[in-house]
Amino acid sequence: MSEKLAPDKRHCFMHNEDDVMHITLQKREKGQTWPSPIDGQGELDSLSVDHEQRRLMLQRFQEEHPGFDFSQAEFTGICPDPKTFMGGIKH
């Protein structure tokens, strides 16, 4: 798992809230959808993967066009891969 994290961010942020442990991981490659946050612990179902790709695409659009409001934007049909769509993500 650590090889998927950013080299300078191979740590995570954890906090406990109302007896629930919250863990935040920093990805090395923006726009990449992880099949599972923990290796060997099952994979996301296709609906969850699609939802995550849509979220990442909207996040990408917002970063690339900060003057626009994409908060109400929706995708119809299959969402493209946010990492490779139209030339990919500019790091």
PDB file of N, CA and C in Angstrom:
ATOM      1  N   MET A   1       0.811  -1.196   0.000  1.00  0.00           N
ATOM      2  CA  MET A   1       0.000   0.000   0.000  1.00  0.00           C
ATOM      3  C   MET A   1       0.849   1.251   0.000  1.00  0.00           C
ATOM      4  N   SER A   2       1.957   1.272   0.747  1.00  0.00           N
ATOM      5  CA  SER A   2       2.732   2.500   0.861  1.00  0.00           C
ATOM      6  C   SER A   2       3.293   2.970  -0.477  1.00  0.00           C
ATOM      7  N   GLU A   3       3.485   2.049  -1.446  1.00  0.00           N
ATOM      8  CA  GLU A   3       3.986   2.468  -2.751  1.00  0.00           C
ATOM      9  C   GLU A   3       2.954   3.283  -3.520  1.00  0.00           C
ATOM     10  N   LYS A   4       1.694   3.255  -3.139  1.00  0.00           N
ATOM     11  CA  LYS A   4       0.657   4.035  -3.801  1.00  0.00           C
ATOM     12  C   LYS A   4       0.525   5.434  -3.196  1.00  0.00           C
ATOM     13  N   LEU A   5       1.182   5.659  -2.061  1.00  0.00           N
ATOM     14  CA  LEU A   5       1.111   6.957  -1.414  1.00  0.00           C
ATOM     15  C   LEU A   5       2.211   7.861  -1.941  1.00  0.00           C
ATOM     16  N   ALA A   6       1.996   9.156  -1.870  1.00  0.00           N
ATOM     17  CA  ALA A   6       2.992  10.117  -2.319  1.00  0.00           C
ATOM     18  C   ALA A   6       4.286   9.890  -1.540  1.00  0.00           C
ATOM     19  N   PRO A   7       5.456   9.898  -2.237  1.00  0.00           N
ATOM     20  CA  PRO A   7       6.730   9.608  -1.567  1.00  0.00           C
ATOM     21  C   PRO A   7       6.981  10.495  -0.357  1.00  0.00           C
ATOM     22  N   ASP A   8       6.636  11.766  -0.443  1.00  0.00           N
ATOM     23  CA  ASP A   8       6.857  12.662   0.687  1.00  0.00           C
ATOM     24  C   ASP A   8       5.682  12.666   1.656  1.00  0.00           C
ATOM     25  N   LYS A   9       4.694  11.816   1.418  1.00  0.00           N
ATOM     26  CA  LYS A   9       3.509  11.782   2.269  1.00  0.00           C
ATOM     27  C   LYS A   9       3.140  10.340   2.618  1.00  0.00           C
ATOM     28  N   ARG A  10       4.113   9.534   2.913  1.00  0.00           N
ATOM     29  CA  ARG A  10       3.830   8.143   3.248  1.00  0.00           C
ATOM     30  C   ARG A  10       3.380   8.021   4.701  1.00  0.00           C
ATOM     31  N   HIS A  11       2.444   8.824   4.998  1.00  0.00           N
ATOM     32  CA  HIS A  11       1.811   8.781   6.305  1.00  0.00           C
ATOM     33  C   HIS A  11       0.330   9.065   6.105  1.00  0.00           C
ATOM     34  N   CYS A  12      -0.407   8.884   7.133  1.00  0.00           N
ATOM     35  CA  CYS A  12      -1.831   9.162   7.039  1.00  0.00           C
ATOM     36  C   CYS A  12      -2.237  10.016   8.226  1.00  0.00           C
ATOM     37  N   PHE A  13      -3.405  10.565   8.128  1.00  0.00           N
ATOM     38  CA  PHE A  13      -3.957  11.344   9.220  1.00  0.00           C
ATOM     39  C   PHE A  13      -5.087  10.525   9.833  1.00  0.00           C
ATOM     40  N   MET A  14      -5.044  10.385  11.153  1.00  0.00           N
ATOM     41  CA  MET A  14      -6.067   9.604  11.835  1.00  0.00           C
ATOM     42  C   MET A  14      -6.637  10.414  12.989  1.00  0.00           C
ATOM     43  N   HIS A  15      -7.923  10.263  13.182  1.00  0.00           N
ATOM     44  CA  HIS A  15      -8.537  10.822  14.379  1.00  0.00           C
ATOM     45  C   HIS A  15      -9.768   9.994  14.738  1.00  0.00           C
ATOM     46  N   ASN A  16     -10.092  10.039  16.013  1.00  0.00           N
ATOM     47  CA  ASN A  16     -11.226   9.285  16.534  1.00  0.00           C
ATOM     48  C   ASN A  16     -12.341  10.272  16.853  1.00  0.00           C
ATOM     49  N   GLU A  17     -13.514  10.006  16.288  1.00  0.00           N
ATOM     50  CA  GLU A  17     -14.656  10.886  16.523  1.00  0.00           C
ATOM     51  C   GLU A  17     -15.873  10.023  16.817  1.00  0.00           C
ATOM     52  N   ASP A  18     -16.461  10.202  17.977  1.00  0.00           N
ATOM     53  CA  ASP A  18     -17.630   9.424  18.384  1.00  0.00           C
ATOM     54  C   ASP A  18     -17.383   7.926  18.250  1.00  0.00           C
ATOM     55  N   ASP A  19     -16.224   7.483  18.719  1.00  0.00           N
ATOM     56  CA  ASP A  19     -15.828   6.073  18.694  1.00  0.00           C
ATOM     57  C   ASP A  19     -15.697   5.500  17.282  1.00  0.00           C
ATOM     58  N   VAL A  20     -15.457   6.375  16.299  1.00  0.00           N
ATOM     59  CA  VAL A  20     -15.221   5.942  14.920  1.00  0.00           C
ATOM     60  C   VAL A  20     -13.856   6.456  14.504  1.00  0.00           C
ATOM     61  N   MET A  21     -12.981   5.551  14.044  1.00  0.00           N
ATOM     62  CA  MET A  21     -11.648   5.940  13.602  1.00  0.00           C
ATOM     63  C   MET A  21     -11.733   6.429  12.161  1.00  0.00           C
ATOM     64  N   HIS A  22     -11.296   7.655  11.897  1.00  0.00           N
ATOM     65  CA  HIS A  22     -11.275   8.248  10.567  1.00  0.00           C
ATOM     66  C   HIS A  22      -9.825   8.280  10.090  1.00  0.00           C
ATOM     67  N   ILE A  23      -9.566   7.728   8.902  1.00  0.00           N
ATOM     68  CA  ILE A  23      -8.213   7.668   8.351  1.00  0.00           C
ATOM     69  C   ILE A  23      -8.212   8.362   6.999  1.00  0.00           C
ATOM     70  N   THR A  24      -7.277   9.278   6.792  1.00  0.00           N
ATOM     71  CA  THR A  24      -7.139   9.989   5.523  1.00  0.00           C
ATOM     72  C   THR A  24      -5.785   9.642   4.918  1.00  0.00           C
ATOM     73  N   LEU A  25      -5.791   9.133   3.677  1.00  0.00           N
ATOM     74  CA  LEU A  25      -4.565   8.777   2.975  1.00  0.00           C
ATOM     75  C   LEU A  25      -4.324   9.760   1.836  1.00  0.00           C
ATOM     76  N   GLN A  26      -3.080  10.120   1.583  1.00  0.00           N
ATOM     77  CA  GLN A  26      -2.727  11.013   0.489  1.00  0.00           C
ATOM     78  C   GLN A  26      -2.275  10.172  -0.707  1.00  0.00           C
ATOM     79  N   LYS A  27      -2.944  10.321  -1.855  1.00  0.00           N
ATOM     80  CA  LYS A  27      -2.582   9.568  -3.056  1.00  0.00           C
ATOM     81  C   LYS A  27      -1.338  10.161  -3.711  1.00  0.00           C
ATOM     82  N   ARG A  28      -0.528   9.303  -4.322  1.00  0.00           N
ATOM     83  CA  ARG A  28       0.639   9.767  -5.064  1.00  0.00           C
ATOM     84  C   ARG A  28       0.212  10.352  -6.397  1.00  0.00           C
ATOM     85  N   GLU A  29      -0.757   9.727  -7.067  1.00  0.00           N
ATOM     86  CA  GLU A  29      -1.196  10.159  -8.381  1.00  0.00           C
ATOM     87  C   GLU A  29      -2.633  10.674  -8.300  1.00  0.00           C
ATOM     88  N   LYS A  30      -2.797  11.962  -8.598  1.00  0.00           N
ATOM     89  CA  LYS A  30      -4.129  12.557  -8.576  1.00  0.00           C
ATOM     90  C   LYS A  30      -5.015  11.904  -9.633  1.00  0.00           C
ATOM     91  N   GLY A  31      -6.289  11.779  -9.331  1.00  0.00           N
ATOM     92  CA  GLY A  31      -7.256  11.266 -10.285  1.00  0.00           C
ATOM     93  C   GLY A  31      -7.319   9.759 -10.384  1.00  0.00           C
ATOM     94  N   GLN A  32      -6.484   9.059  -9.658  1.00  0.00           N
ATOM     95  CA  GLN A  32      -6.474   7.602  -9.717  1.00  0.00           C
ATOM     96  C   GLN A  32      -7.508   7.052  -8.742  1.00  0.00           C
ATOM     97  N   THR A  33      -8.341   6.156  -9.242  1.00  0.00           N
ATOM     98  CA  THR A  33      -9.330   5.503  -8.388  1.00  0.00           C
ATOM     99  C   THR A  33      -8.727   4.209  -7.862  1.00  0.00           C
ATOM    100  N   TRP A  34      -8.607   4.110  -6.558  1.00  0.00           N
ATOM    101  CA  TRP A  34      -8.085   2.891  -5.955  1.00  0.00           C
ATOM    102  C   TRP A  34      -9.175   1.822  -5.939  1.00  0.00           C
ATOM    103  N   PRO A  35      -8.864   0.597  -6.339  1.00  0.00           N
ATOM    104  CA  PRO A  35      -9.873  -0.463  -6.253  1.00  0.00           C
ATOM    105  C   PRO A  35     -10.207  -0.803  -4.800  1.00  0.00           C
ATOM    106  N   SER A  36      -9.242  -0.551  -3.908  1.00  0.00           N
ATOM    107  CA  SER A  36      -9.438  -0.806  -2.486  1.00  0.00           C
ATOM    108  C   SER A  36      -8.442   0.057  -1.718  1.00  0.00           C
ATOM    109  N   PRO A  37      -8.840   0.670  -0.625  1.00  0.00           N
ATOM    110  CA  PRO A  37      -7.888   1.471   0.135  1.00  0.00           C
ATOM    111  C   PRO A  37      -6.846   0.630   0.863  1.00  0.00           C
ATOM    112  N   ILE A  38      -7.158  -0.636   1.097  1.00  0.00           N
ATOM    113  CA  ILE A  38      -6.229  -1.535   1.778  1.00  0.00           C
ATOM    114  C   ILE A  38      -6.040  -2.771   0.914  1.00  0.00           C
ATOM    115  N   ASP A  39      -4.785  -3.032   0.509  1.00  0.00           N
ATOM    116  CA  ASP A  39      -4.507  -4.191  -0.338  1.00  0.00           C
ATOM    117  C   ASP A  39      -5.023  -5.480   0.298  1.00  0.00           C
ATOM    118  N   GLY A  40      -5.674  -6.297  -0.525  1.00  0.00           N
ATOM    119  CA  GLY A  40      -6.145  -7.598  -0.074  1.00  0.00           C
ATOM    120  C   GLY A  40      -7.415  -7.563   0.753  1.00  0.00           C
ATOM    121  N   GLN A  41      -8.085  -6.438   0.832  1.00  0.00           N
ATOM    122  CA  GLN A  41      -9.286  -6.324   1.659  1.00  0.00           C
ATOM    123  C   GLN A  41     -10.547  -6.105   0.843  1.00  0.00           C
ATOM    124  N   GLY A  42     -10.619  -6.733  -0.328  1.00  0.00           N
ATOM    125  CA  GLY A  42     -11.798  -6.582  -1.163  1.00  0.00           C
ATOM    126  C   GLY A  42     -11.678  -5.352  -2.037  1.00  0.00           C
ATOM    127  N   GLU A  43     -12.563  -5.244  -3.002  1.00  0.00           N
ATOM    128  CA  GLU A  43     -12.540  -4.119  -3.918  1.00  0.00           C
ATOM    129  C   GLU A  43     -13.880  -3.395  -3.900  1.00  0.00           C
ATOM    130  N   LEU A  44     -13.852  -2.131  -4.342  1.00  0.00           N
ATOM    131  CA  LEU A  44     -15.082  -1.360  -4.447  1.00  0.00           C
ATOM    132  C   LEU A  44     -15.990  -1.976  -5.500  1.00  0.00           C
ATOM    133  N   ASP A  45     -17.280  -1.907  -5.277  1.00  0.00           N
ATOM    134  CA  ASP A  45     -18.211  -2.374  -6.298  1.00  0.00           C
ATOM    135  C   ASP A  45     -18.241  -1.350  -7.433  1.00  0.00           C
ATOM    136  N   SER A  46     -18.752  -1.745  -8.588  1.00  0.00           N
ATOM    137  CA  SER A  46     -18.710  -0.893  -9.779  1.00  0.00           C
ATOM    138  C   SER A  46     -19.472   0.423  -9.581  1.00  0.00           C
ATOM    139  N   LEU A  47     -20.540   0.414  -8.802  1.00  0.00           N
ATOM    140  CA  LEU A  47     -21.291   1.644  -8.534  1.00  0.00           C
ATOM    141  C   LEU A  47     -20.435   2.625  -7.724  1.00  0.00           C
ATOM    142  N   SER A  48     -19.708   2.113  -6.739  1.00  0.00           N
ATOM    143  CA  SER A  48     -18.833   2.978  -5.934  1.00  0.00           C
ATOM    144  C   SER A  48     -17.685   3.529  -6.758  1.00  0.00           C
ATOM    145  N   VAL A  49     -17.129   2.714  -7.651  1.00  0.00           N
ATOM    146  CA  VAL A  49     -16.047   3.175  -8.528  1.00  0.00           C
ATOM    147  C   VAL A  49     -16.559   4.292  -9.425  1.00  0.00           C
ATOM    148  N   ASP A  50     -17.740   4.128  -9.991  1.00  0.00           N
ATOM    149  CA  ASP A  50     -18.327   5.147 -10.853  1.00  0.00           C
ATOM    150  C   ASP A  50     -18.557   6.437 -10.069  1.00  0.00           C
ATOM    151  N   HIS A  51     -19.087   6.325  -8.862  1.00  0.00           N
ATOM    152  CA  HIS A  51     -19.329   7.499  -8.016  1.00  0.00           C
ATOM    153  C   HIS A  51     -18.011   8.219  -7.723  1.00  0.00           C
ATOM    154  N   GLU A  52     -16.955   7.471  -7.420  1.00  0.00           N
ATOM    155  CA  GLU A  52     -15.653   8.067  -7.119  1.00  0.00           C
ATOM    156  C   GLU A  52     -15.059   8.741  -8.349  1.00  0.00           C
ATOM    157  N   GLN A  53     -15.202   8.133  -9.527  1.00  0.00           N
ATOM    158  CA  GLN A  53     -14.696   8.747 -10.752  1.00  0.00           C
ATOM    159  C   GLN A  53     -15.431  10.053 -11.053  1.00  0.00           C
ATOM    160  N   ARG A  54     -16.717  10.087 -10.825  1.00  0.00           N
ATOM    161  CA  ARG A  54     -17.494  11.313 -11.035  1.00  0.00           C
ATOM    162  C   ARG A  54     -17.024  12.408 -10.076  1.00  0.00           C
ATOM    163  N   ARG A  55     -16.793  12.026  -8.830  1.00  0.00           N
ATOM    164  CA  ARG A  55     -16.316  12.991  -7.834  1.00  0.00           C
ATOM    165  C   ARG A  55     -14.944  13.537  -8.224  1.00  0.00           C
ATOM    166  N   LEU A  56     -14.049  12.649  -8.669  1.00  0.00           N
ATOM    167  CA  LEU A  56     -12.711  13.070  -9.077  1.00  0.00           C
ATOM    168  C   LEU A  56     -12.743  13.958 -10.320  1.00  0.00           C
ATOM    169  N   MET A  57     -13.638  13.667 -11.267  1.00  0.00           N
ATOM    170  CA  MET A  57     -13.752  14.512 -12.458  1.00  0.00           C
ATOM    171  C   MET A  57     -14.222  15.915 -12.081  1.00  0.00           C
ATOM    172  N   LEU A  58     -15.209  16.008 -11.207  1.00  0.00           N
ATOM    173  CA  LEU A  58     -15.680  17.323 -10.780  1.00  0.00           C
ATOM    174  C   LEU A  58     -14.591  18.070 -10.015  1.00  0.00           C
ATOM    175  N   GLN A  59     -13.841  17.354  -9.197  1.00  0.00           N
ATOM    176  CA  GLN A  59     -12.727  17.956  -8.477  1.00  0.00           C
ATOM    177  C   GLN A  59     -11.675  18.463  -9.469  1.00  0.00           C
ATOM    178  N   ARG A  60     -11.380  17.664 -10.489  1.00  0.00           N
ATOM    179  CA  ARG A  60     -10.422  18.066 -11.511  1.00  0.00           C
ATOM    180  C   ARG A  60     -10.909  19.311 -12.246  1.00  0.00           C
ATOM    181  N   PHE A  61     -12.168  19.329 -12.688  1.00  0.00           N
ATOM    182  CA  PHE A  61     -12.719  20.490 -13.385  1.00  0.00           C
ATOM    183  C   PHE A  61     -12.618  21.748 -12.518  1.00  0.00           C
ATOM    184  N   GLN A  62     -12.920  21.604 -11.225  1.00  0.00           N
ATOM    185  CA  GLN A  62     -12.869  22.751 -10.322  1.00  0.00           C
ATOM    186  C   GLN A  62     -11.441  23.265 -10.183  1.00  0.00           C
ATOM    187  N   GLU A  63     -10.461  22.375 -10.093  1.00  0.00           N
ATOM    188  CA  GLU A  63      -9.059  22.783  -9.983  1.00  0.00           C
ATOM    189  C   GLU A  63      -8.573  23.455 -11.265  1.00  0.00           C
ATOM    190  N   GLU A  64      -8.995  22.944 -12.420  1.00  0.00           N
ATOM    191  CA  GLU A  64      -8.539  23.481 -13.691  1.00  0.00           C
ATOM    192  C   GLU A  64      -9.265  24.756 -14.084  1.00  0.00           C
ATOM    193  N   HIS A  65     -10.457  24.985 -13.542  1.00  0.00           N
ATOM    194  CA  HIS A  65     -11.264  26.163 -13.875  1.00  0.00           C
ATOM    195  C   HIS A  65     -11.835  26.763 -12.587  1.00  0.00           C
ATOM    196  N   PRO A  66     -10.990  27.375 -11.764  1.00  0.00           N
ATOM    197  CA  PRO A  66     -11.442  27.846 -10.450  1.00  0.00           C
ATOM    198  C   PRO A  66     -12.511  28.927 -10.496  1.00  0.00           C
ATOM    199  N   GLY A  67     -12.699  29.593 -11.614  1.00  0.00           N
ATOM    200  CA  GLY A  67     -13.710  30.632 -11.706  1.00  0.00           C
ATOM    201  C   GLY A  67     -15.115  30.112 -11.953  1.00  0.00           C
ATOM    202  N   PHE A  68     -15.237  28.816 -12.188  1.00  0.00           N
ATOM    203  CA  PHE A  68     -16.542  28.227 -12.476  1.00  0.00           C
ATOM    204  C   PHE A  68     -17.048  27.426 -11.285  1.00  0.00           C
ATOM    205  N   ASP A  69     -18.352  27.304 -11.179  1.00  0.00           N
ATOM    206  CA  ASP A  69     -18.976  26.541 -10.099  1.00  0.00           C
ATOM    207  C   ASP A  69     -19.498  25.221 -10.666  1.00  0.00           C
ATOM    208  N   PHE A  70     -18.871  24.129 -10.278  1.00  0.00           N
ATOM    209  CA  PHE A  70     -19.286  22.801 -10.743  1.00  0.00           C
ATOM    210  C   PHE A  70     -20.076  22.041  -9.683  1.00  0.00           C
ATOM    211  N   SER A  71     -20.522  22.739  -8.645  1.00  0.00           N
ATOM    212  CA  SER A  71     -21.184  22.055  -7.531  1.00  0.00           C
ATOM    213  C   SER A  71     -22.485  21.361  -7.936  1.00  0.00           C
ATOM    214  N   GLN A  72     -23.154  21.846  -8.978  1.00  0.00           N
ATOM    215  CA  GLN A  72     -24.404  21.224  -9.414  1.00  0.00           C
ATOM    216  C   GLN A  72     -24.235  20.411 -10.704  1.00  0.00           C
ATOM    217  N   ALA A  73     -22.987  20.265 -11.171  1.00  0.00           N
ATOM    218  CA  ALA A  73     -22.734  19.547 -12.426  1.00  0.00           C
ATOM    219  C   ALA A  73     -22.971  18.051 -12.240  1.00  0.00           C
ATOM    220  N   GLU A  74     -23.442  17.409 -13.295  1.00  0.00           N
ATOM    221  CA  GLU A  74     -23.676  15.960 -13.285  1.00  0.00           C
ATOM    222  C   GLU A  74     -23.188  15.372 -14.594  1.00  0.00           C
ATOM    223  N   PHE A  75     -22.791  14.128 -14.551  1.00  0.00           N
ATOM    224  CA  PHE A  75     -22.393  13.401 -15.746  1.00  0.00           C
ATOM    225  C   PHE A  75     -23.542  12.486 -16.149  1.00  0.00           C
ATOM    226  N   THR A  76     -23.791  12.378 -17.434  1.00  0.00           N
ATOM    227  CA  THR A  76     -24.759  11.408 -17.922  1.00  0.00           C
ATOM    228  C   THR A  76     -23.980  10.320 -18.642  1.00  0.00           C
ATOM    229  N   GLY A  77     -24.432   9.111 -18.533  1.00  0.00           N
ATOM    230  CA  GLY A  77     -23.710   8.007 -19.161  1.00  0.00           C
ATOM    231  C   GLY A  77     -22.484   7.625 -18.356  1.00  0.00           C
ATOM    232  N   ILE A  78     -21.529   7.058 -19.024  1.00  0.00           N
ATOM    233  CA  ILE A  78     -20.313   6.582 -18.376  1.00  0.00           C
ATOM    234  C   ILE A  78     -19.357   7.751 -18.165  1.00  0.00           C
ATOM    235  N   CYS A  79     -18.858   7.891 -16.975  1.00  0.00           N
ATOM    236  CA  CYS A  79     -17.914   8.958 -16.653  1.00  0.00           C
ATOM    237  C   CYS A  79     -16.529   8.559 -17.157  1.00  0.00           C
ATOM    238  N   PRO A  80     -15.829   9.479 -17.833  1.00  0.00           N
ATOM    239  CA  PRO A  80     -14.480   9.149 -18.297  1.00  0.00           C
ATOM    240  C   PRO A  80     -13.504   9.032 -17.131  1.00  0.00           C
ATOM    241  N   ASP A  81     -12.376   8.411 -17.392  1.00  0.00           N
ATOM    242  CA  ASP A  81     -11.337   8.264 -16.378  1.00  0.00           C
ATOM    243  C   ASP A  81     -10.733   9.638 -16.111  1.00  0.00           C
ATOM    244  N   PRO A  82     -10.814  10.146 -14.883  1.00  0.00           N
ATOM    245  CA  PRO A  82     -10.323  11.489 -14.593  1.00  0.00           C
ATOM    246  C   PRO A  82      -8.813  11.632 -14.768  1.00  0.00           C
ATOM    247  N   LYS A  83      -8.092  10.543 -14.679  1.00  0.00           N
ATOM    248  CA  LYS A  83      -6.632  10.601 -14.801  1.00  0.00           C
ATOM    249  C   LYS A  83      -6.183  10.795 -16.252  1.00  0.00           C
ATOM    250  N   THR A  84      -6.951  10.277 -17.224  1.00  0.00           N
ATOM    251  CA  THR A  84      -6.525  10.312 -18.615  1.00  0.00           C
ATOM    252  C   THR A  84      -7.390  11.176 -19.533  1.00  0.00           C
ATOM    253  N   PHE A  85      -8.541  11.609 -19.071  1.00  0.00           N
ATOM    254  CA  PHE A  85      -9.482  12.358 -19.902  1.00  0.00           C
ATOM    255  C   PHE A  85      -8.851  13.639 -20.432  1.00  0.00           C
ATOM    256  N   MET A  86      -8.957  13.853 -21.738  1.00  0.00           N
ATOM    257  CA  MET A  86      -8.481  15.055 -22.426  1.00  0.00           C
ATOM    258  C   MET A  86      -7.038  15.434 -22.049  1.00  0.00           C
ATOM    259  N   GLY A  87      -6.150  14.488 -22.165  1.00  0.00           N
ATOM    260  CA  GLY A  87      -4.744  14.768 -21.923  1.00  0.00           C
ATOM    261  C   GLY A  87      -4.267  14.524 -20.519  1.00  0.00           C
ATOM    262  N   GLY A  88      -5.149  14.151 -19.653  1.00  0.00           N
ATOM    263  CA  GLY A  88      -4.739  13.814 -18.298  1.00  0.00           C
ATOM    264  C   GLY A  88      -4.653  14.994 -17.359  1.00  0.00           C
ATOM    265  N   ILE A  89      -4.272  14.691 -16.141  1.00  0.00           N
ATOM    266  CA  ILE A  89      -4.187  15.679 -15.067  1.00  0.00           C
ATOM    267  C   ILE A  89      -2.839  16.367 -15.113  1.00  0.00           C
ATOM    268  N   LYS A  90      -2.849  17.672 -14.966  1.00  0.00           N
ATOM    269  CA  LYS A  90      -1.614  18.446 -14.876  1.00  0.00           C
ATOM    270  C   LYS A  90      -1.224  18.520 -13.419  1.00  0.00           C
ATOM    271  N   HIS A  91      -0.060  18.013 -13.082  1.00  0.00           N
ATOM    272  CA  HIS A  91       0.374  17.979 -11.669  1.00  0.00           C
ATOM    273  C   HIS A  91       0.993  19.277 -11.261  1.00  0.00           C
TER     274      HIS A  91
END
